[in-house]
Amino acid sequence: MKEYAYYPGCAAEASTREADKATQEVLSLLGVKFSSHEDFTCCGAGCLTEEFPKLNLALNARNLAIAEKGGQDILTLCNTCFLNLRKSQVELKSPALRDEINKELRNEGLEYGGKVEILHFLHLLAEIGLDKLRSMVKRPLVGLKIAPFYGCHLIRPQQIVGSAFTREPTILEDLIQVAGATALSYRERLDCCGFHILMVDEGTSLRMASSCLDGAEACGADLMVTPCTLCHISLDMYQGKAGRLAGKKYAIPVLHLAQLMGLAFGIDVKKLRLKNHFISARQFLSQIR
């Protein structure tokens, strides 16, 4: 089995460390080889490119070159990191632009040759296969009704993120069912959570998060699950604020995808850091045997 260059992203190394820890626990259980690289830097989060596009491209090219030097593909658990790395990869298909960036990278003994693949944790689970994952379930989450929330940067624009998932993906629903829970369908599951305008227009951002929470609440969800650390910040950390703005009181726990799978696989709850969330899932987790 290949070894991946593990790229958790800044949020997973700071605000959502539970996602990082849970993902590493699940990867280890699945027998997936991965290694961390201290030299990796932020992907720019889609913000840097607006002011300094060439610097943003160089940063991501450097990350890609570090993985390529080790003969590894990149594995991330942040939708925005996935999109930014893929976007840079597409831009670097231009020989002239790649040569220009590589002149800077050579100062660090690095060079990007276009040989790296970027994989999201959700893609990896899909590649491993539902049957294999189902065989590893030791603690079925029977009785729980879960609303999936994809996060827009994982599924669009398709010319950048690729066609691994269609415009109407079902893999997250499939994984929820593999875990033994009931996957709910609602329109807002493919919407944007509003994270990327949070610091610019908080009101609009919170209304976008509120809309997603409304959708999950309306379909009777006990929990939500997302594969994106930044979506988790909007839907969990800012859930109270979104509710106050909307004149509502939400109480919808939001799990990271790795936490969901880790629970079903029987991983110790403490190792999954489930107490790190703003909205407690204790009430529903007590139903799990």
Protein backbone atom coordinates (compact mmCIF):
# COMPACT_ATOMS: atom_id res chain seq x y z
CA MET A 1 0.00 0.00 0.00
CA LYS A 2 1.25 3.48 -0.88
CA GLU A 3 2.15 5.98 1.80
CA TYR A 4 0.43 9.36 1.73
CA ALA A 5 1.77 12.77 2.64
CA TYR A 6 -0.74 13.76 5.31
CA TYR A 7 -1.92 17.36 4.95
CA PRO A 8 -4.53 18.05 7.65
CA GLY A 9 -4.77 21.78 7.02
CA CYS A 10 -4.48 24.69 9.43
CA ALA A 11 -7.95 24.31 10.97
CA ALA A 12 -7.30 20.69 11.91
CA GLU A 13 -4.05 21.71 13.55
CA ALA A 14 -5.70 24.45 15.61
CA SER A 15 -9.46 24.97 15.88
CA THR A 16 -10.60 21.44 15.03
CA ARG A 17 -7.83 19.23 16.39
CA GLU A 18 -10.37 16.53 17.11
CA ALA A 19 -10.76 16.05 13.35
CA ASP A 20 -7.01 15.52 12.97
CA LYS A 21 -6.82 13.06 15.86
CA ALA A 22 -9.90 11.11 14.76
CA THR A 23 -8.68 10.92 11.17
CA GLN A 24 -5.29 9.58 12.25
CA GLU A 25 -7.01 6.96 14.43
CA VAL A 26 -9.19 5.80 11.53
CA LEU A 27 -6.30 5.78 9.04
CA SER A 28 -4.22 3.66 11.41
CA LEU A 29 -7.10 1.22 11.94
CA LEU A 30 -7.59 0.93 8.18
CA GLY A 31 -3.89 0.21 7.71
CA VAL A 32 -3.35 3.33 5.60
CA LYS A 33 0.27 4.49 5.69
CA PHE A 34 0.79 8.21 6.08
CA SER A 35 3.48 10.60 7.19
CA SER A 36 3.44 14.22 8.30
CA HIS A 37 5.68 16.92 6.85
CA GLU A 38 6.66 19.81 9.12
CA ASP A 39 7.63 21.84 6.04
CA PHE A 40 4.07 21.95 4.71
CA THR A 41 2.52 25.44 4.83
CA CYS A 42 -1.00 26.84 4.68
CA CYS A 43 -2.73 26.46 1.31
CA GLY A 44 -3.82 30.10 1.39
CA ALA A 45 -7.42 29.16 2.23
CA GLY A 46 -8.73 30.81 -0.93
CA CYS A 47 -7.98 34.27 0.55
CA LEU A 48 -4.34 34.82 -0.32
CA THR A 49 -4.94 34.25 -4.02
CA GLU A 50 -7.27 37.27 -4.20
CA GLU A 51 -4.46 39.65 -3.24
CA PHE A 52 -1.31 37.72 -4.18
CA PRO A 53 -2.17 35.01 -6.73
CA LYS A 54 1.45 34.23 -7.66
CA LEU A 55 2.46 33.85 -4.01
CA ASN A 56 -0.53 31.60 -3.39
CA LEU A 57 0.46 29.45 -6.35
CA ALA A 58 4.06 29.25 -5.16
CA LEU A 59 2.98 28.16 -1.68
CA ASN A 60 0.86 25.34 -3.04
CA ALA A 61 3.47 24.34 -5.61
CA ARG A 62 5.92 24.06 -2.73
CA ASN A 63 3.55 21.75 -0.84
CA LEU A 64 3.08 19.65 -3.95
CA ALA A 65 6.84 19.52 -4.53
CA ILE A 66 7.50 18.36 -0.96
CA ALA A 67 5.11 15.43 -1.45
CA GLU A 68 6.51 14.69 -4.90
CA LYS A 69 10.07 14.64 -3.57
CA GLY A 70 8.98 11.90 -1.17
CA GLY A 71 7.18 9.98 -3.92
CA GLN A 72 3.85 10.51 -2.17
CA ASP A 73 0.35 11.66 -3.01
CA ILE A 74 -1.30 14.19 -0.71
CA LEU A 75 -4.13 13.22 1.63
CA THR A 76 -6.15 16.02 3.24
CA LEU A 77 -9.30 16.31 5.35
CA CYS A 78 -10.17 19.92 4.55
CA ASN A 79 -12.35 20.68 1.54
CA THR A 80 -10.73 24.08 1.03
CA CYS A 81 -7.20 22.66 1.16
CA PHE A 82 -8.31 20.05 -1.36
CA LEU A 83 -9.74 22.69 -3.71
CA ASN A 84 -6.77 25.06 -3.43
CA LEU A 85 -4.21 22.32 -4.02
CA ARG A 86 -6.18 21.03 -6.99
CA LYS A 87 -6.63 24.54 -8.39
CA SER A 88 -2.90 25.17 -8.18
CA GLN A 89 -2.24 21.80 -9.79
CA VAL A 90 -4.46 22.77 -12.73
CA GLU A 91 -2.73 26.17 -13.09
CA LEU A 92 0.69 24.53 -13.00
CA LYS A 93 -0.11 22.50 -16.10
CA SER A 94 1.09 25.59 -17.97
CA PRO A 95 4.78 24.81 -18.75
CA ALA A 96 5.74 28.50 -18.67
CA LEU A 97 4.09 29.12 -15.32
CA ARG A 98 5.51 25.92 -13.83
CA ASP A 99 9.00 26.88 -14.96
CA GLU A 100 8.62 30.31 -13.38
CA ILE A 101 7.49 28.84 -10.04
CA ASN A 102 10.14 26.11 -10.14
CA LYS A 103 12.89 28.73 -10.39
CA GLU A 104 11.85 29.87 -6.90
CA LEU A 105 11.41 26.33 -5.57
CA ARG A 106 14.91 25.32 -6.63
CA ASN A 107 16.24 27.72 -4.01
CA GLU A 108 14.92 25.19 -1.49
CA GLY A 109 16.04 22.14 -3.42
CA LEU A 110 12.49 21.47 -4.63
CA GLU A 111 10.86 21.11 -8.02
CA TYR A 112 7.30 20.30 -9.01
CA GLY A 113 6.88 18.01 -12.00
CA GLY A 114 3.14 17.37 -11.93
CA LYS A 115 3.30 13.84 -10.55
CA VAL A 116 1.27 14.29 -7.35
CA GLU A 117 -2.36 13.35 -6.81
CA ILE A 118 -4.47 15.15 -4.19
CA LEU A 119 -6.94 12.99 -2.33
CA HIS A 120 -9.54 13.95 0.24
CA PHE A 121 -10.25 11.60 3.17
CA LEU A 122 -13.72 11.06 1.72
CA HIS A 123 -12.20 9.98 -1.61
CA LEU A 124 -9.93 7.55 0.22
CA LEU A 125 -12.86 5.90 1.98
CA ALA A 126 -14.63 5.58 -1.36
CA GLU A 127 -11.54 3.93 -2.86
CA ILE A 128 -11.26 1.46 0.03
CA GLY A 129 -14.83 0.44 -0.74
CA LEU A 130 -18.09 0.14 1.14
CA ASP A 131 -17.87 -3.64 1.54
CA LYS A 132 -14.46 -3.45 3.20
CA LEU A 133 -15.59 -0.64 5.48
CA ARG A 134 -18.80 -2.48 6.36
CA SER A 135 -16.80 -5.53 7.40
CA MET A 136 -14.95 -3.40 9.96
CA VAL A 137 -18.03 -2.04 11.75
CA LYS A 138 -18.11 -3.20 15.36
CA ARG A 139 -20.44 -0.60 16.86
CA PRO A 140 -23.35 -0.02 14.44
CA LEU A 141 -24.97 3.38 14.95
CA VAL A 142 -28.46 1.92 14.70
CA GLY A 143 -31.30 4.31 15.45
CA LEU A 144 -29.41 7.52 14.70
CA LYS A 145 -30.77 9.78 11.96
CA ILE A 146 -27.90 11.69 10.39
CA ALA A 147 -27.95 14.59 7.94
CA PRO A 148 -24.92 14.60 5.60
CA PHE A 149 -23.33 17.94 4.71
CA TYR A 150 -20.76 17.77 1.91
CA GLY A 151 -19.28 21.26 1.82
CA CYS A 152 -19.12 23.03 -1.53
CA HIS A 153 -15.34 23.00 -2.09
CA LEU A 154 -15.33 19.23 -2.33
CA ILE A 155 -17.88 19.01 -5.12
CA ARG A 156 -17.49 22.15 -7.24
CA PRO A 157 -16.29 23.50 -9.59
CA GLN A 158 -16.03 20.11 -11.23
CA GLN A 159 -13.41 21.21 -13.75
CA ILE A 160 -11.05 21.62 -10.78
CA VAL A 161 -12.18 19.11 -8.16
CA GLY A 162 -12.64 16.39 -10.77
CA SER A 163 -15.50 14.05 -11.52
CA ALA A 164 -14.99 11.61 -8.64
CA PHE A 165 -18.42 12.69 -7.41
CA THR A 166 -21.34 13.80 -9.52
CA ARG A 167 -23.45 16.90 -9.00
CA GLU A 168 -25.68 14.72 -6.83
CA PRO A 169 -23.17 12.69 -4.78
CA THR A 170 -24.27 9.84 -2.54
CA ILE A 171 -21.00 8.63 -1.02
CA LEU A 172 -21.54 10.44 2.29
CA GLU A 173 -25.01 8.93 2.58
CA ASP A 174 -23.53 5.53 1.73
CA LEU A 175 -20.95 5.87 4.52
CA ILE A 176 -23.61 6.87 7.03
CA GLN A 177 -25.54 3.73 6.14
CA VAL A 178 -22.37 1.62 6.34
CA ALA A 179 -21.98 2.96 9.88
CA GLY A 180 -25.44 1.56 10.65
CA ALA A 181 -27.27 4.90 10.88
CA THR A 182 -30.06 6.33 8.73
CA ALA A 183 -28.95 8.89 6.13
CA LEU A 184 -31.41 11.72 5.63
CA SER A 185 -31.99 13.66 2.44
CA TYR A 186 -32.49 17.43 2.38
CA ARG A 187 -31.90 20.16 -0.19
CA GLU A 188 -29.28 22.12 1.76
CA ARG A 189 -26.85 19.18 2.04
CA LEU A 190 -24.94 20.52 -1.01
CA ASP A 191 -25.08 24.20 -0.05
CA CYS A 192 -22.25 26.45 1.13
CA CYS A 193 -21.88 26.86 4.91
CA GLY A 194 -20.75 30.49 4.58
CA PHE A 195 -17.37 30.05 6.26
CA HIS A 196 -15.34 31.99 3.72
CA ILE A 197 -17.19 35.27 4.21
CA LEU A 198 -17.37 34.95 8.00
CA MET A 199 -14.71 37.61 8.62
CA VAL A 200 -16.02 39.90 5.87
CA ASP A 201 -19.80 39.71 6.26
CA GLU A 202 -20.63 37.80 9.42
CA GLY A 203 -24.38 38.34 9.14
CA THR A 204 -24.63 36.79 5.68
CA SER A 205 -22.32 33.96 6.71
CA LEU A 206 -24.42 33.15 9.76
CA ARG A 207 -27.62 33.22 7.70
CA MET A 208 -26.07 30.73 5.28
CA ALA A 209 -25.12 28.44 8.17
CA SER A 210 -28.61 28.88 9.62
CA SER A 211 -30.18 27.78 6.34
CA CYS A 212 -28.11 24.57 6.39
CA LEU A 213 -29.05 23.92 10.02
CA ASP A 214 -32.72 24.58 9.22
CA GLY A 215 -32.59 21.92 6.51
CA ALA A 216 -31.09 19.35 8.84
CA GLU A 217 -33.56 20.20 11.59
CA ALA A 218 -36.56 20.05 9.26
CA CYS A 219 -35.73 16.52 8.10
CA GLY A 220 -35.53 15.31 11.70
CA ALA A 221 -31.78 14.87 12.07
CA ASP A 222 -30.28 13.79 15.37
CA LEU A 223 -26.82 14.75 14.11
CA MET A 224 -25.04 16.23 11.12
CA VAL A 225 -21.79 14.90 9.68
CA THR A 226 -19.35 16.73 7.42
CA PRO A 227 -16.02 15.81 5.80
CA CYS A 228 -14.79 19.43 6.05
CA THR A 229 -13.11 21.08 9.03
CA LEU A 230 -14.14 24.58 7.96
CA CYS A 231 -17.79 23.56 7.52
CA HIS A 232 -17.58 22.12 11.02
CA ILE A 233 -16.48 25.49 12.37
CA SER A 234 -19.48 27.23 10.75
CA LEU A 235 -22.04 24.62 11.76
CA ASP A 236 -20.77 23.77 15.26
CA MET A 237 -18.70 26.64 16.63
CA TYR A 238 -20.99 29.34 15.21
CA GLN A 239 -24.25 27.42 15.61
CA GLY A 240 -25.31 29.39 18.69
CA LYS A 241 -24.61 32.73 17.02
CA ALA A 242 -26.44 31.66 13.85
CA GLY A 243 -29.42 30.65 15.96
CA ARG A 244 -29.53 33.94 17.84
CA LEU A 245 -29.45 35.89 14.57
CA ALA A 246 -32.30 33.75 13.21
CA GLY A 247 -34.27 33.94 16.46
CA LYS A 248 -33.94 30.18 16.97
CA LYS A 249 -32.24 27.84 19.39
CA TYR A 250 -30.42 25.08 17.51
CA ALA A 251 -29.04 22.02 19.26
CA ILE A 252 -27.73 19.91 16.39
CA PRO A 253 -24.44 18.10 17.11
CA VAL A 254 -22.05 18.03 14.15
CA LEU A 255 -19.55 15.18 13.77
CA HIS A 256 -16.48 15.06 11.59
CA LEU A 257 -16.60 12.21 9.09
CA ALA A 258 -13.67 10.46 10.78
CA GLN A 259 -15.49 10.60 14.12
CA LEU A 260 -18.56 8.97 12.58
CA MET A 261 -16.53 6.15 11.04
CA GLY A 262 -14.38 5.82 14.16
CA LEU A 263 -17.47 5.35 16.32
CA ALA A 264 -18.80 2.65 14.00
CA PHE A 265 -15.40 0.94 13.91
CA GLY A 266 -15.38 0.71 17.70
CA ILE A 267 -12.56 3.19 18.36
CA ASP A 268 -12.44 4.47 21.95
CA VAL A 269 -14.68 7.53 22.21
CA LYS A 270 -11.98 9.44 24.10
CA LYS A 271 -9.56 9.00 21.20
CA LEU A 272 -12.13 10.54 18.86
CA ARG A 273 -12.23 13.74 20.98
CA LEU A 274 -16.02 13.96 20.89
CA LYS A 275 -16.07 16.31 23.88
CA ASN A 276 -14.29 19.02 21.88
CA HIS A 277 -17.46 20.19 20.14
CA PHE A 278 -19.49 23.24 21.10
CA ILE A 279 -22.77 21.33 20.63
CA SER A 280 -22.69 18.16 22.71
CA ALA A 281 -23.68 14.85 21.11
CA ARG A 282 -23.85 13.08 24.48
CA GLN A 283 -27.63 12.62 24.35
CA PHE A 284 -27.49 10.68 21.09
CA LEU A 285 -24.22 8.89 21.66
CA SER A 286 -25.71 7.32 24.77
CA GLN A 287 -27.99 5.35 22.44
CA ILE A 288 -25.01 3.56 20.89
CA ARG A 289 -24.21 0.11 22.27
